[in-house]
Amino acid sequence: MKVLELLPPPETMYRALIDRDSSFEGIFFVGVRTTGIFCRPTCTAKKPARQNVDFFATPSEALHGGYRPCLRCNPMAPDRRPPQLLATLRAEGERA
């Protein structure tokens, strides 16, 4: 199974990007074709048109796709907490 298949639907991710929905933080990253930059879904930069975005599951995928990290939201920073969804799944796995 490809990693992209594990991501939410593209329209859901785009809506999360427009709304700066923090519940999607760490779930996906957004590459902006017109600038060549990739960001977190909560980045405060101006939001791109839907046809100008690519979605990635990891920063590594975005880098391999030819995008460079945003200087505003710093998507490569290692000091970020895991997304709440992943923390919940991890806790459930440990409990089982």
N, C-alpha and C. Protein backbone atom coordinates (compact mmCIF):
# COMPACT_ATOMS: atom_id res chain seq x y z
N MET A 1 0.84 -1.18 0.00
CA MET A 1 0.00 0.00 0.00
C MET A 1 0.89 1.25 0.00
N LYS A 2 0.61 2.17 -0.89
CA LYS A 2 1.38 3.40 -0.97
C LYS A 2 1.00 4.32 0.18
N VAL A 3 1.96 5.13 0.63
CA VAL A 3 1.72 6.04 1.75
C VAL A 3 0.61 7.03 1.41
N LEU A 4 0.55 7.50 0.16
CA LEU A 4 -0.47 8.47 -0.23
C LEU A 4 -1.87 7.93 0.01
N GLU A 5 -2.04 6.60 -0.10
CA GLU A 5 -3.35 5.99 0.13
C GLU A 5 -3.78 6.09 1.59
N LEU A 6 -2.84 6.33 2.50
CA LEU A 6 -3.15 6.45 3.92
C LEU A 6 -3.56 7.86 4.31
N LEU A 7 -3.39 8.80 3.41
CA LEU A 7 -3.75 10.18 3.70
C LEU A 7 -5.25 10.39 3.56
N PRO A 8 -5.77 11.44 4.22
CA PRO A 8 -7.18 11.80 4.02
C PRO A 8 -7.42 12.18 2.55
N PRO A 9 -8.68 12.25 2.12
CA PRO A 9 -8.97 12.68 0.75
C PRO A 9 -8.39 14.07 0.46
N PRO A 10 -7.97 14.33 -0.78
CA PRO A 10 -7.37 15.63 -1.12
C PRO A 10 -8.24 16.83 -0.76
N GLU A 11 -9.54 16.74 -0.95
CA GLU A 11 -10.39 17.89 -0.63
C GLU A 11 -10.44 18.15 0.88
N THR A 12 -10.36 17.08 1.67
CA THR A 12 -10.31 17.24 3.14
C THR A 12 -9.00 17.92 3.54
N MET A 13 -7.90 17.50 2.91
CA MET A 13 -6.61 18.11 3.23
C MET A 13 -6.59 19.57 2.79
N TYR A 14 -7.15 19.87 1.64
CA TYR A 14 -7.16 21.26 1.19
C TYR A 14 -8.00 22.12 2.13
N ARG A 15 -9.15 21.61 2.59
CA ARG A 15 -9.99 22.36 3.53
C ARG A 15 -9.23 22.59 4.83
N ALA A 16 -8.49 21.57 5.30
CA ALA A 16 -7.69 21.71 6.52
C ALA A 16 -6.61 22.77 6.33
N LEU A 17 -6.03 22.83 5.14
CA LEU A 17 -5.02 23.84 4.83
C LEU A 17 -5.62 25.24 4.88
N ILE A 18 -6.76 25.42 4.24
CA ILE A 18 -7.41 26.74 4.20
C ILE A 18 -7.83 27.18 5.61
N ASP A 19 -8.32 26.22 6.41
CA ASP A 19 -8.78 26.53 7.77
C ASP A 19 -7.66 26.54 8.80
N ARG A 20 -6.44 26.16 8.38
CA ARG A 20 -5.30 26.03 9.29
C ARG A 20 -5.67 25.13 10.48
N ASP A 21 -6.27 24.01 10.17
CA ASP A 21 -6.78 23.06 11.17
C ASP A 21 -5.61 22.34 11.85
N SER A 22 -5.38 22.64 13.10
CA SER A 22 -4.24 22.07 13.82
C SER A 22 -4.39 20.57 14.09
N SER A 23 -5.59 20.03 13.95
CA SER A 23 -5.75 18.58 14.16
C SER A 23 -5.09 17.78 13.03
N PHE A 24 -4.72 18.43 11.94
CA PHE A 24 -4.04 17.76 10.82
C PHE A 24 -2.52 17.98 10.88
N GLU A 25 -2.04 18.68 11.87
CA GLU A 25 -0.61 18.93 12.01
C GLU A 25 0.15 17.61 12.10
N GLY A 26 1.11 17.41 11.21
CA GLY A 26 1.90 16.19 11.19
C GLY A 26 1.29 15.04 10.39
N ILE A 27 0.04 15.20 9.96
CA ILE A 27 -0.63 14.16 9.18
C ILE A 27 -0.21 14.26 7.71
N PHE A 28 -0.09 15.50 7.21
CA PHE A 28 0.32 15.69 5.83
C PHE A 28 1.07 17.00 5.69
N PHE A 29 1.74 17.16 4.55
CA PHE A 29 2.47 18.37 4.20
C PHE A 29 2.01 18.80 2.82
N VAL A 30 2.10 20.09 2.55
CA VAL A 30 1.57 20.65 1.31
C VAL A 30 2.69 21.29 0.50
N GLY A 31 2.85 20.83 -0.74
CA GLY A 31 3.79 21.45 -1.65
C GLY A 31 3.05 22.42 -2.55
N VAL A 32 3.61 23.62 -2.70
CA VAL A 32 2.98 24.65 -3.54
C VAL A 32 3.79 24.73 -4.84
N ARG A 33 3.17 24.32 -5.93
CA ARG A 33 3.86 24.25 -7.23
C ARG A 33 4.41 25.60 -7.68
N THR A 34 3.68 26.67 -7.44
CA THR A 34 4.09 27.98 -7.96
C THR A 34 5.30 28.55 -7.25
N THR A 35 5.57 28.11 -6.02
CA THR A 35 6.71 28.64 -5.26
C THR A 35 7.81 27.61 -5.08
N GLY A 36 7.47 26.31 -5.20
CA GLY A 36 8.44 25.26 -4.96
C GLY A 36 8.71 25.01 -3.49
N ILE A 37 7.81 25.47 -2.63
CA ILE A 37 7.98 25.37 -1.18
C ILE A 37 6.95 24.38 -0.63
N PHE A 38 7.33 23.65 0.43
CA PHE A 38 6.33 22.83 1.12
C PHE A 38 6.17 23.30 2.55
N CYS A 39 4.93 23.16 3.05
CA CYS A 39 4.54 23.70 4.36
C CYS A 39 3.76 22.69 5.18
N ARG A 40 3.58 23.06 6.43
CA ARG A 40 2.65 22.35 7.32
C ARG A 40 1.25 22.86 7.00
N PRO A 41 0.21 22.10 7.34
CA PRO A 41 -1.15 22.57 7.07
C PRO A 41 -1.54 23.81 7.88
N THR A 42 -0.80 24.10 8.94
CA THR A 42 -1.11 25.25 9.79
C THR A 42 -0.28 26.49 9.47
N CYS A 43 0.50 26.46 8.42
CA CYS A 43 1.36 27.59 8.06
C CYS A 43 0.54 28.85 7.87
N THR A 44 1.10 29.97 8.28
CA THR A 44 0.40 31.25 8.19
C THR A 44 0.60 31.96 6.85
N ALA A 45 1.34 31.34 5.95
CA ALA A 45 1.56 31.94 4.62
C ALA A 45 0.24 32.01 3.84
N LYS A 46 0.22 32.86 2.84
CA LYS A 46 -0.95 32.98 1.97
C LYS A 46 -1.28 31.61 1.38
N LYS A 47 -2.56 31.28 1.34
CA LYS A 47 -2.98 29.96 0.89
C LYS A 47 -3.07 29.89 -0.64
N PRO A 48 -2.53 28.82 -1.23
CA PRO A 48 -2.52 28.68 -2.69
C PRO A 48 -3.86 28.19 -3.23
N ALA A 49 -4.05 28.37 -4.52
CA ALA A 49 -5.23 27.82 -5.20
C ALA A 49 -5.11 26.30 -5.21
N ARG A 50 -6.24 25.62 -5.21
CA ARG A 50 -6.27 24.16 -5.13
C ARG A 50 -5.44 23.50 -6.23
N GLN A 51 -5.49 24.03 -7.43
CA GLN A 51 -4.77 23.39 -8.54
C GLN A 51 -3.25 23.53 -8.41
N ASN A 52 -2.77 24.32 -7.46
CA ASN A 52 -1.34 24.54 -7.30
C ASN A 52 -0.72 23.77 -6.14
N VAL A 53 -1.44 22.80 -5.57
CA VAL A 53 -0.90 22.09 -4.42
C VAL A 53 -0.73 20.60 -4.68
N ASP A 54 0.28 20.04 -4.03
CA ASP A 54 0.51 18.61 -3.98
C ASP A 54 0.56 18.24 -2.50
N PHE A 55 0.06 17.07 -2.15
CA PHE A 55 0.04 16.62 -0.76
C PHE A 55 1.04 15.50 -0.57
N PHE A 56 1.71 15.52 0.59
CA PHE A 56 2.73 14.53 0.92
C PHE A 56 2.51 14.05 2.35
N ALA A 57 2.84 12.78 2.59
CA ALA A 57 2.70 12.22 3.93
C ALA A 57 3.87 12.59 4.83
N THR A 58 5.04 12.85 4.23
CA THR A 58 6.23 13.15 5.03
C THR A 58 7.02 14.30 4.38
N PRO A 59 7.83 14.98 5.18
CA PRO A 59 8.71 16.00 4.60
C PRO A 59 9.68 15.41 3.59
N SER A 60 10.11 14.18 3.83
CA SER A 60 11.05 13.52 2.92
C SER A 60 10.44 13.37 1.52
N GLU A 61 9.17 13.00 1.46
CA GLU A 61 8.49 12.88 0.16
C GLU A 61 8.45 14.22 -0.55
N ALA A 62 8.20 15.28 0.20
CA ALA A 62 8.15 16.62 -0.40
C ALA A 62 9.53 17.02 -0.93
N LEU A 63 10.57 16.73 -0.17
CA LEU A 63 11.93 17.03 -0.62
C LEU A 63 12.25 16.25 -1.90
N HIS A 64 11.89 14.99 -1.93
CA HIS A 64 12.14 14.16 -3.12
C HIS A 64 11.29 14.61 -4.29
N GLY A 65 10.18 15.29 -4.01
CA GLY A 65 9.32 15.83 -5.06
C GLY A 65 9.84 17.14 -5.62
N GLY A 66 10.97 17.62 -5.10
CA GLY A 66 11.58 18.85 -5.61
C GLY A 66 11.20 20.11 -4.86
N TYR A 67 10.54 19.99 -3.71
CA TYR A 67 10.15 21.15 -2.92
C TYR A 67 11.18 21.45 -1.85
N ARG A 68 11.26 22.71 -1.44
CA ARG A 68 12.15 23.09 -0.35
C ARG A 68 11.30 23.51 0.85
N PRO A 69 11.83 23.39 2.07
CA PRO A 69 11.05 23.70 3.26
C PRO A 69 10.72 25.19 3.39
N CYS A 70 9.54 25.47 3.88
CA CYS A 70 9.10 26.84 4.15
C CYS A 70 9.90 27.40 5.31
N LEU A 71 10.35 28.64 5.18
CA LEU A 71 11.09 29.28 6.26
C LEU A 71 10.16 29.81 7.35
N ARG A 72 8.89 29.94 7.04
CA ARG A 72 7.93 30.46 8.00
C ARG A 72 7.47 29.39 9.00
N CYS A 73 7.04 28.23 8.48
CA CYS A 73 6.50 27.19 9.37
C CYS A 73 7.52 26.09 9.70
N ASN A 74 8.66 26.09 9.03
CA ASN A 74 9.76 25.17 9.28
C ASN A 74 9.29 23.71 9.41
N PRO A 75 8.81 23.11 8.31
CA PRO A 75 8.26 21.76 8.38
C PRO A 75 9.28 20.66 8.68
N MET A 76 10.56 20.99 8.66
CA MET A 76 11.60 20.00 8.95
C MET A 76 12.01 19.99 10.42
N ALA A 77 11.45 20.87 11.23
CA ALA A 77 11.85 20.98 12.64
C ALA A 77 11.52 19.69 13.38
N PRO A 78 12.52 19.12 14.06
CA PRO A 78 12.30 17.85 14.77
C PRO A 78 11.62 18.00 16.12
N ASP A 79 11.48 19.21 16.62
CA ASP A 79 10.96 19.42 17.97
C ASP A 79 9.44 19.41 18.06
N ARG A 80 8.76 19.03 17.00
CA ARG A 80 7.29 19.01 16.99
C ARG A 80 6.77 17.75 17.66
N ARG A 81 5.64 17.89 18.36
CA ARG A 81 4.99 16.73 18.96
C ARG A 81 4.31 15.91 17.86
N PRO A 82 4.11 14.60 18.09
CA PRO A 82 3.37 13.82 17.09
C PRO A 82 1.92 14.27 17.06
N PRO A 83 1.25 14.13 15.93
CA PRO A 83 -0.15 14.52 15.85
C PRO A 83 -1.00 13.77 16.87
N GLN A 84 -2.07 14.38 17.33
CA GLN A 84 -2.94 13.77 18.32
C GLN A 84 -3.44 12.40 17.84
N LEU A 85 -3.77 12.30 16.57
CA LEU A 85 -4.24 11.03 16.02
C LEU A 85 -3.20 9.93 16.22
N LEU A 86 -1.93 10.23 15.95
CA LEU A 86 -0.88 9.24 16.11
C LEU A 86 -0.66 8.91 17.59
N ALA A 87 -0.74 9.90 18.44
CA ALA A 87 -0.58 9.66 19.88
C ALA A 87 -1.69 8.74 20.39
N THR A 88 -2.92 8.95 19.92
CA THR A 88 -4.05 8.11 20.31
C THR A 88 -3.86 6.68 19.81
N LEU A 89 -3.46 6.55 18.54
CA LEU A 89 -3.23 5.21 17.98
C LEU A 89 -2.10 4.48 18.72
N ARG A 90 -1.05 5.20 19.05
CA ARG A 90 0.06 4.60 19.78
C ARG A 90 -0.40 4.12 21.16
N ALA A 91 -1.19 4.94 21.84
CA ALA A 91 -1.70 4.56 23.17
C ALA A 91 -2.60 3.33 23.08
N GLU A 92 -3.45 3.28 22.06
CA GLU A 92 -4.32 2.12 21.86
C GLU A 92 -3.51 0.85 21.57
N GLY A 93 -2.47 1.01 20.76
CA GLY A 93 -1.62 -0.13 20.45
C GLY A 93 -0.90 -0.66 21.69
N GLU A 94 -0.41 0.25 22.52
CA GLU A 94 0.28 -0.16 23.75
C GLU A 94 -0.69 -0.81 24.73
N ARG A 95 -1.94 -0.30 24.76
CA ARG A 95 -2.94 -0.85 25.66
C ARG A 95 -3.33 -2.27 25.23
N ALA A 96 -3.40 -2.49 23.93
CA ALA A 96 -3.78 -3.82 23.42
C ALA A 96 -2.62 -4.78 23.62
